[in-house]
Amino acid sequence: MYLKRILLTVVLLGLLIGGLFSAMVYRTLFISNTVFSNDEAYVFIPSDADFDEVKEQLQPLLKNLSTFETAARRKRYSENVKGGKYAITKGMNNNDIVNALRSGNIPVRVSFNNQETPALLAGRISSQVEADSLTLFQAFSDKDFLKAQGWTPDQALLPYIPNSYEFYWNTSATTFRDRMLAEYTKFWTDARLDKARSLGLSPEQVIALASVVHKETAKADERPRVAGVYLNRLKKGMLLQADPTVIFAIKKETGNYDTIIKRVLYRDLEIESPFNTYKYPGIPPGPIAMPDISAIDAVLNPEKHKYLYFVADTENFGYHKFAETLGQHNRNKEQYVRWLNAQKIRR
């Protein structure tokens, strides 16, 4: 009888201890451990982060950091931290949180448009991914990378077609750059390449000319007509004489890309720069900004006409008046100059 009591006591203690252990495991792994009120919260874990940094980011989001740490160590996550953007859903338990941090790296949408230099592009991208602006700038400007594509430093913006793209937040600078090169290659379909060849232009020249078209007019429906003017000039051996190229040359010389120039003066046309299309024939040596796809396609699908000149239309802002002859253009220009003077726009 005494032995039976001992055995029964041992069994009961075993059950009690097992129950307590099970309860502890259940509490550690399967009870909700979030404290925020939104449906989701996001954590951004750097690529070189350790478990202490993960805990620091999670602390404001969790009811009990200690139980999370226990669960993470049991599931060996603490030894295998991975960088990325992760979503923690309201009501998640520690088991789900660890699983999300282990395999739930969420892509982010990276968008950019119309940057004028690799440095400005790097700044724009660095606000959306982990890589810093200096590392991105170095990747964009890398001479070996550019040389491998047959490009010069003036053409460093070529592969970055403005759009929205999906990346992981912890994408490296070189991975971002190489993905953009792949997107650039994909953009140049056989159809687009055939159209470029029919114009006697390379893809690089198309994008450089499209950047001028883009800067000339913000109206997508007018871009094919503006592109047609520049292509007509090229066919006749005329200078492009595009004011945006002069403005870019001034910015490039001064290094101040925040400069706002609303009126190009005659003295500006004398600036010594291969980007000054008032002095140098042909298409600029590289893009003066990243043109929208609508501007690129405008060059590839220009409006057929005989116009050689255009000037801002003061009666229909945002659009231009076009002319076939210099005499007609000068009359249109006089109206524009009168408007500039009336508005007291000196620069």
Protein backbone atom coordinates (compact mmCIF):
# COMPACT_ATOMS: atom_id res chain seq x y z
CA MET A 1 0.00 0.00 0.00
CA TYR A 2 2.81 2.40 0.93
CA LEU A 3 4.56 1.71 -2.38
CA LYS A 4 1.38 2.41 -4.27
CA ARG A 5 1.05 5.78 -2.56
CA ILE A 6 4.60 6.68 -3.49
CA LEU A 7 4.02 5.70 -7.08
CA LEU A 8 0.76 7.62 -7.18
CA THR A 9 2.46 10.67 -5.72
CA VAL A 10 5.24 10.45 -8.30
CA VAL A 11 2.70 10.14 -11.10
CA LEU A 12 0.72 13.08 -9.80
CA LEU A 13 3.85 15.19 -9.44
CA GLY A 14 4.88 14.17 -12.95
CA LEU A 15 1.51 15.17 -14.30
CA LEU A 16 1.63 18.44 -12.39
CA ILE A 17 5.12 19.24 -13.60
CA GLY A 18 4.20 18.20 -17.14
CA GLY A 19 1.11 20.33 -16.98
CA LEU A 20 3.06 23.31 -15.71
CA PHE A 21 5.66 22.77 -18.41
CA SER A 22 2.97 22.49 -21.08
CA ALA A 23 1.31 25.61 -19.77
CA MET A 24 4.63 27.44 -19.83
CA VAL A 25 5.32 26.26 -23.40
CA TYR A 26 1.81 27.24 -24.45
CA ARG A 27 2.17 30.65 -22.80
CA THR A 28 5.56 31.14 -24.38
CA LEU A 29 4.59 30.11 -27.88
CA PHE A 30 0.87 30.37 -28.45
CA ILE A 31 -0.63 33.26 -26.48
CA SER A 32 -1.03 36.63 -28.19
CA ASN A 33 1.96 38.84 -27.43
CA THR A 34 1.34 42.09 -29.32
CA VAL A 35 0.54 45.41 -27.71
CA PHE A 36 -0.05 47.80 -30.66
CA SER A 37 -3.53 48.85 -31.79
CA ASN A 38 -3.03 48.96 -35.58
CA ASP A 39 -3.71 45.92 -37.72
CA GLU A 40 -0.03 45.58 -38.56
CA ALA A 41 3.33 46.94 -37.50
CA TYR A 42 6.53 46.74 -39.50
CA VAL A 43 10.11 46.18 -38.45
CA PHE A 44 13.13 46.87 -40.64
CA ILE A 45 16.03 44.62 -39.71
CA PRO A 46 19.42 45.64 -41.16
CA SER A 47 21.45 42.99 -42.94
CA ASP A 48 24.14 43.01 -40.24
CA ALA A 49 21.74 43.08 -37.28
CA ASP A 50 22.10 40.69 -34.35
CA PHE A 51 19.39 39.35 -32.04
CA ASP A 52 19.81 42.21 -29.57
CA GLU A 53 18.91 44.71 -32.30
CA VAL A 54 15.83 42.67 -33.22
CA LYS A 55 14.71 42.71 -29.58
CA GLU A 56 15.26 46.46 -29.42
CA GLN A 57 12.97 47.00 -32.42
CA LEU A 58 10.31 44.60 -31.12
CA GLN A 59 10.20 45.84 -27.54
CA PRO A 60 7.61 48.60 -28.15
CA LEU A 61 5.40 46.14 -30.04
CA LEU A 62 5.29 43.25 -27.55
CA LYS A 63 3.56 42.67 -24.24
CA ASN A 64 6.31 40.41 -22.98
CA LEU A 65 9.75 40.59 -24.55
CA SER A 66 11.06 37.83 -22.30
CA THR A 67 8.67 35.17 -23.62
CA PHE A 68 9.49 36.21 -27.19
CA GLU A 69 13.20 35.81 -26.44
CA THR A 70 12.58 32.35 -24.99
CA ALA A 71 10.57 31.30 -28.05
CA ALA A 72 13.19 32.72 -30.43
CA ARG A 73 15.98 30.82 -28.69
CA ARG A 74 13.98 27.59 -28.65
CA LYS A 75 13.33 27.91 -32.37
CA ARG A 76 16.99 28.93 -32.97
CA TYR A 77 15.97 32.19 -34.61
CA SER A 78 18.30 34.10 -32.29
CA GLU A 79 21.20 32.43 -34.09
CA ASN A 80 19.84 33.06 -37.62
CA VAL A 81 18.69 36.68 -37.83
CA LYS A 82 17.91 37.78 -41.39
CA GLY A 83 17.68 41.33 -42.69
CA GLY A 84 14.54 42.67 -44.34
CA LYS A 85 11.14 44.25 -43.83
CA TYR A 86 8.75 42.16 -41.76
CA ALA A 87 5.10 42.52 -40.77
CA ILE A 88 3.87 41.75 -37.28
CA THR A 89 0.09 41.32 -37.23
CA LYS A 90 -2.05 42.39 -34.28
CA GLY A 91 -2.75 39.41 -32.02
CA MET A 92 0.22 37.31 -33.21
CA ASN A 93 1.75 34.87 -30.75
CA ASN A 94 5.48 34.36 -30.32
CA ASN A 95 5.53 31.28 -32.51
CA ASP A 96 3.97 33.22 -35.40
CA ILE A 97 6.21 36.24 -34.80
CA VAL A 98 9.34 34.10 -35.00
CA ASN A 99 8.04 32.38 -38.14
CA ALA A 100 7.31 35.78 -39.72
CA LEU A 101 10.80 37.05 -38.91
CA ARG A 102 12.34 33.87 -40.24
CA SER A 103 10.65 33.67 -43.65
CA GLY A 104 8.33 36.65 -44.14
CA ASN A 105 10.62 39.21 -45.79
CA ILE A 106 8.17 41.59 -47.51
CA PRO A 107 8.98 43.27 -50.84
CA VAL A 108 8.75 47.06 -51.03
CA ARG A 109 7.75 49.23 -53.98
CA VAL A 110 10.63 51.42 -55.08
CA SER A 111 9.65 54.41 -57.22
CA PHE A 112 11.75 57.12 -58.82
CA ASN A 113 11.47 59.63 -61.65
CA ASN A 114 13.24 62.46 -63.43
CA GLN A 115 16.41 62.69 -61.34
CA GLU A 116 19.14 64.68 -63.07
CA THR A 117 22.26 63.03 -61.64
CA PRO A 118 23.36 59.69 -60.16
CA ALA A 119 23.80 61.44 -56.80
CA LEU A 120 20.20 62.68 -56.79
CA LEU A 121 18.97 59.24 -57.84
CA ALA A 122 20.99 57.64 -55.04
CA GLY A 123 19.37 59.96 -52.52
CA ARG A 124 15.92 59.08 -53.81
CA ILE A 125 16.54 55.34 -53.67
CA SER A 126 18.22 55.39 -50.25
CA SER A 127 14.99 56.69 -48.71
CA GLN A 128 13.25 53.48 -49.82
CA VAL A 129 15.80 50.69 -49.26
CA GLU A 130 18.49 49.81 -46.73
CA ALA A 131 21.48 50.84 -48.87
CA ASP A 132 22.76 54.35 -48.11
CA SER A 133 23.09 57.08 -50.73
CA LEU A 134 26.91 56.97 -50.87
CA THR A 135 26.99 53.23 -51.54
CA LEU A 136 24.30 53.59 -54.18
CA PHE A 137 26.10 56.50 -55.84
CA GLN A 138 29.31 54.49 -55.98
CA ALA A 139 27.47 51.58 -57.60
CA PHE A 140 25.76 53.84 -60.17
CA SER A 141 29.03 55.61 -61.03
CA ASP A 142 31.32 52.58 -60.99
CA LYS A 143 33.64 52.98 -63.99
CA ASP A 144 34.10 49.24 -64.51
CA PHE A 145 30.33 48.72 -64.58
CA LEU A 146 29.85 51.57 -67.06
CA LYS A 147 32.75 50.43 -69.22
CA ALA A 148 31.31 46.92 -69.39
CA GLN A 149 28.14 48.39 -70.94
CA GLY A 150 30.11 50.66 -73.29
CA TRP A 151 28.93 53.78 -71.45
CA THR A 152 30.67 56.93 -70.26
CA PRO A 153 30.13 58.66 -66.89
CA ASP A 154 27.79 61.09 -68.69
CA GLN A 155 25.59 58.09 -69.49
CA ALA A 156 25.40 56.72 -65.95
CA LEU A 157 21.64 57.40 -65.71
CA LEU A 158 20.79 55.34 -68.80
CA PRO A 159 19.62 52.07 -67.20
CA TYR A 160 17.20 53.67 -64.75
CA ILE A 161 13.82 53.78 -66.47
CA PRO A 162 11.43 55.74 -64.20
CA ASN A 163 8.72 53.47 -62.83
CA SER A 164 7.80 51.47 -59.73
CA TYR A 165 9.69 48.27 -59.06
CA GLU A 166 9.46 45.57 -56.41
CA PHE A 167 12.56 44.94 -54.28
CA TYR A 168 13.37 43.53 -50.89
CA TRP A 169 14.15 46.35 -48.49
CA ASN A 170 17.58 44.89 -47.72
CA THR A 171 18.61 44.79 -51.41
CA SER A 172 22.24 45.87 -51.78
CA ALA A 173 23.33 48.80 -53.94
CA THR A 174 24.94 46.59 -56.58
CA THR A 175 21.96 44.24 -56.63
CA PHE A 176 19.66 47.21 -57.21
CA ARG A 177 21.87 48.53 -60.00
CA ASP A 178 22.16 45.14 -61.71
CA ARG A 179 18.41 44.61 -61.51
CA MET A 180 17.89 48.00 -63.17
CA LEU A 181 20.27 46.98 -65.94
CA ALA A 182 18.16 43.87 -66.47
CA GLU A 183 14.99 46.00 -66.56
CA TYR A 184 16.66 48.34 -69.08
CA THR A 185 17.53 45.39 -71.30
CA LYS A 186 13.98 44.11 -71.01
CA PHE A 187 12.59 47.56 -71.85
CA TRP A 188 14.42 47.56 -75.18
CA THR A 189 12.19 45.08 -76.95
CA ASP A 190 12.77 44.13 -80.56
CA ALA A 191 9.98 46.52 -81.55
CA ARG A 192 11.61 49.48 -79.78
CA LEU A 193 15.05 48.58 -81.16
CA ASP A 194 13.63 48.41 -84.69
CA LYS A 195 12.08 51.86 -84.29
CA ALA A 196 15.35 53.29 -83.00
CA ARG A 197 17.24 51.82 -85.96
CA SER A 198 14.70 53.27 -88.39
CA LEU A 199 15.50 56.72 -86.95
CA GLY A 200 19.22 56.09 -87.21
CA LEU A 201 19.58 56.27 -83.44
CA SER A 202 21.03 53.99 -80.79
CA PRO A 203 19.06 53.27 -77.58
CA GLU A 204 21.47 55.57 -75.74
CA GLN A 205 20.75 58.41 -78.19
CA VAL A 206 17.01 57.83 -77.94
CA ILE A 207 17.10 58.20 -74.16
CA ALA A 208 19.35 61.28 -74.31
CA LEU A 209 16.99 62.94 -76.81
CA ALA A 210 13.95 61.81 -74.82
CA SER A 211 15.38 63.53 -71.75
CA VAL A 212 15.39 66.80 -73.68
CA VAL A 213 11.82 66.21 -74.89
CA HIS A 214 10.78 65.42 -71.33
CA LYS A 215 12.26 68.67 -70.03
CA GLU A 216 10.73 70.72 -72.86
CA THR A 217 7.15 69.73 -72.13
CA ALA A 218 5.32 68.17 -69.22
CA LYS A 219 2.38 67.39 -71.52
CA ALA A 220 2.61 63.75 -72.59
CA ASP A 221 0.26 64.35 -75.53
CA GLU A 222 2.59 67.05 -76.89
CA ARG A 223 5.81 65.06 -76.61
CA PRO A 224 5.54 63.26 -79.99
CA ARG A 225 5.24 66.68 -81.69
CA VAL A 226 8.25 68.10 -79.84
CA ALA A 227 10.22 64.94 -80.64
CA GLY A 228 9.29 65.43 -84.29
CA VAL A 229 10.76 68.94 -84.24
CA TYR A 230 14.11 67.72 -82.92
CA LEU A 231 14.24 64.83 -85.35
CA ASN A 232 13.47 67.23 -88.22
CA ARG A 233 16.35 69.42 -87.10
CA LEU A 234 18.72 66.46 -86.93
CA LYS A 235 17.75 65.40 -90.45
CA LYS A 236 18.53 68.89 -91.75
CA GLY A 237 21.83 69.09 -89.90
CA MET A 238 20.57 71.92 -87.70
CA LEU A 239 21.61 72.47 -84.10
CA LEU A 240 19.01 71.23 -81.61
CA GLN A 241 19.18 74.57 -79.74
CA ALA A 242 17.30 73.19 -76.75
CA ASP A 243 17.11 75.49 -73.73
CA PRO A 244 16.93 72.58 -71.22
CA THR A 245 20.40 71.44 -72.33
CA VAL A 246 21.80 74.90 -71.57
CA ILE A 247 20.13 74.90 -68.15
CA PHE A 248 21.60 71.47 -67.44
CA ALA A 249 25.05 72.66 -68.57
CA ILE A 250 24.82 75.57 -66.11
CA LYS A 251 23.80 73.26 -63.27
CA LYS A 252 26.57 70.81 -64.13
CA GLU A 253 29.21 73.54 -64.19
CA THR A 254 28.10 75.08 -60.88
CA GLY A 255 27.27 71.76 -59.22
CA ASN A 256 24.01 73.28 -57.99
CA TYR A 257 21.15 71.19 -59.34
CA ASP A 258 18.62 73.11 -57.25
CA THR A 259 19.09 76.13 -59.49
CA ILE A 260 15.83 77.38 -60.98
CA ILE A 261 16.15 79.11 -64.35
CA LYS A 262 12.91 80.28 -65.94
CA ARG A 263 14.50 82.39 -68.64
CA VAL A 264 17.59 81.46 -70.64
CA LEU A 265 19.63 84.53 -71.52
CA TYR A 266 21.81 85.09 -74.58
CA ARG A 267 24.93 84.99 -72.44
CA ASP A 268 23.92 81.53 -71.21
CA LEU A 269 24.13 80.22 -74.76
CA GLU A 270 27.89 80.76 -74.69
CA ILE A 271 28.58 78.28 -71.89
CA GLU A 272 31.31 75.85 -72.86
CA SER A 273 29.83 72.40 -72.42
CA PRO A 274 29.19 69.39 -74.69
CA PHE A 275 25.63 69.54 -73.35
CA ASN A 276 25.11 73.01 -74.84
CA THR A 277 23.17 72.20 -78.00
CA TYR A 278 23.42 75.83 -79.13
CA LYS A 279 27.15 75.26 -79.66
CA TYR A 280 27.56 71.53 -80.25
CA PRO A 281 25.70 69.63 -82.98
CA GLY A 282 23.76 66.43 -82.53
CA ILE A 283 22.32 64.80 -79.45
CA PRO A 284 23.88 65.51 -76.01
CA PRO A 285 26.47 62.99 -74.77
CA GLY A 286 24.05 61.66 -72.19
CA PRO A 287 20.61 62.25 -70.69
CA ILE A 288 20.03 65.56 -68.91
CA ALA A 289 17.56 63.74 -66.64
CA MET A 290 15.77 60.40 -66.54
CA PRO A 291 12.98 60.69 -69.13
CA ASP A 292 9.57 59.15 -68.56
CA ILE A 293 8.59 56.20 -70.71
CA SER A 294 6.13 58.52 -72.49
CA ALA A 295 9.06 60.72 -73.60
CA ILE A 296 11.10 57.74 -74.77
CA ASP A 297 8.18 56.37 -76.75
CA ALA A 298 7.53 59.86 -78.15
CA VAL A 299 10.99 59.84 -79.71
CA LEU A 300 10.41 56.34 -81.06
CA ASN A 301 6.97 57.32 -82.37
CA PRO A 302 7.33 60.98 -83.36
CA GLU A 303 4.58 62.99 -84.96
CA LYS A 304 5.17 63.46 -88.67
CA HIS A 305 5.19 67.15 -89.56
CA LYS A 306 7.39 69.92 -91.00
CA TYR A 307 7.81 72.00 -87.86
CA LEU A 308 11.33 73.16 -87.02
CA TYR A 309 10.62 75.60 -84.21
CA PHE A 310 8.47 75.99 -81.12
CA VAL A 311 8.05 78.35 -78.20
CA ALA A 312 5.86 78.40 -75.09
CA ASP A 313 2.22 79.25 -75.74
CA THR A 314 1.20 82.00 -73.31
CA GLU A 315 -2.47 81.47 -74.14
CA ASN A 316 -2.41 77.74 -73.39
CA PHE A 317 0.04 77.23 -70.54
CA GLY A 318 2.04 74.04 -70.61
CA TYR A 319 1.80 73.76 -74.38
CA HIS A 320 3.77 75.34 -77.23
CA LYS A 321 3.26 77.14 -80.51
CA PHE A 322 4.96 75.44 -83.45
CA ALA A 323 6.29 76.93 -86.67
CA GLU A 324 7.74 75.72 -89.95
CA THR A 325 9.59 78.93 -90.76
CA LEU A 326 11.93 81.15 -88.76
CA GLY A 327 9.80 84.20 -89.55
CA GLN A 328 6.70 82.62 -88.08
CA HIS A 329 8.69 81.40 -85.08
CA ASN A 330 10.07 84.88 -84.40
CA ARG A 331 6.55 86.28 -84.31
CA ASN A 332 5.54 83.62 -81.82
CA LYS A 333 8.68 84.28 -79.81
CA GLU A 334 7.97 88.02 -79.63
CA GLN A 335 4.66 87.28 -77.96
CA TYR A 336 6.39 85.00 -75.45
CA VAL A 337 9.11 87.58 -74.68
CA ARG A 338 6.45 90.26 -74.09
CA TRP A 339 4.75 87.93 -71.64
CA LEU A 340 8.05 87.23 -69.81
CA ASN A 341 8.70 90.95 -69.48
CA ALA A 342 5.16 91.61 -68.28
CA GLN A 343 5.64 88.94 -65.61
CA LYS A 344 9.03 90.47 -64.72
CA ILE A 345 10.76 87.15 -65.23
CA ARG A 346 14.40 88.14 -65.63
CA ARG A 347 16.05 84.79 -64.98
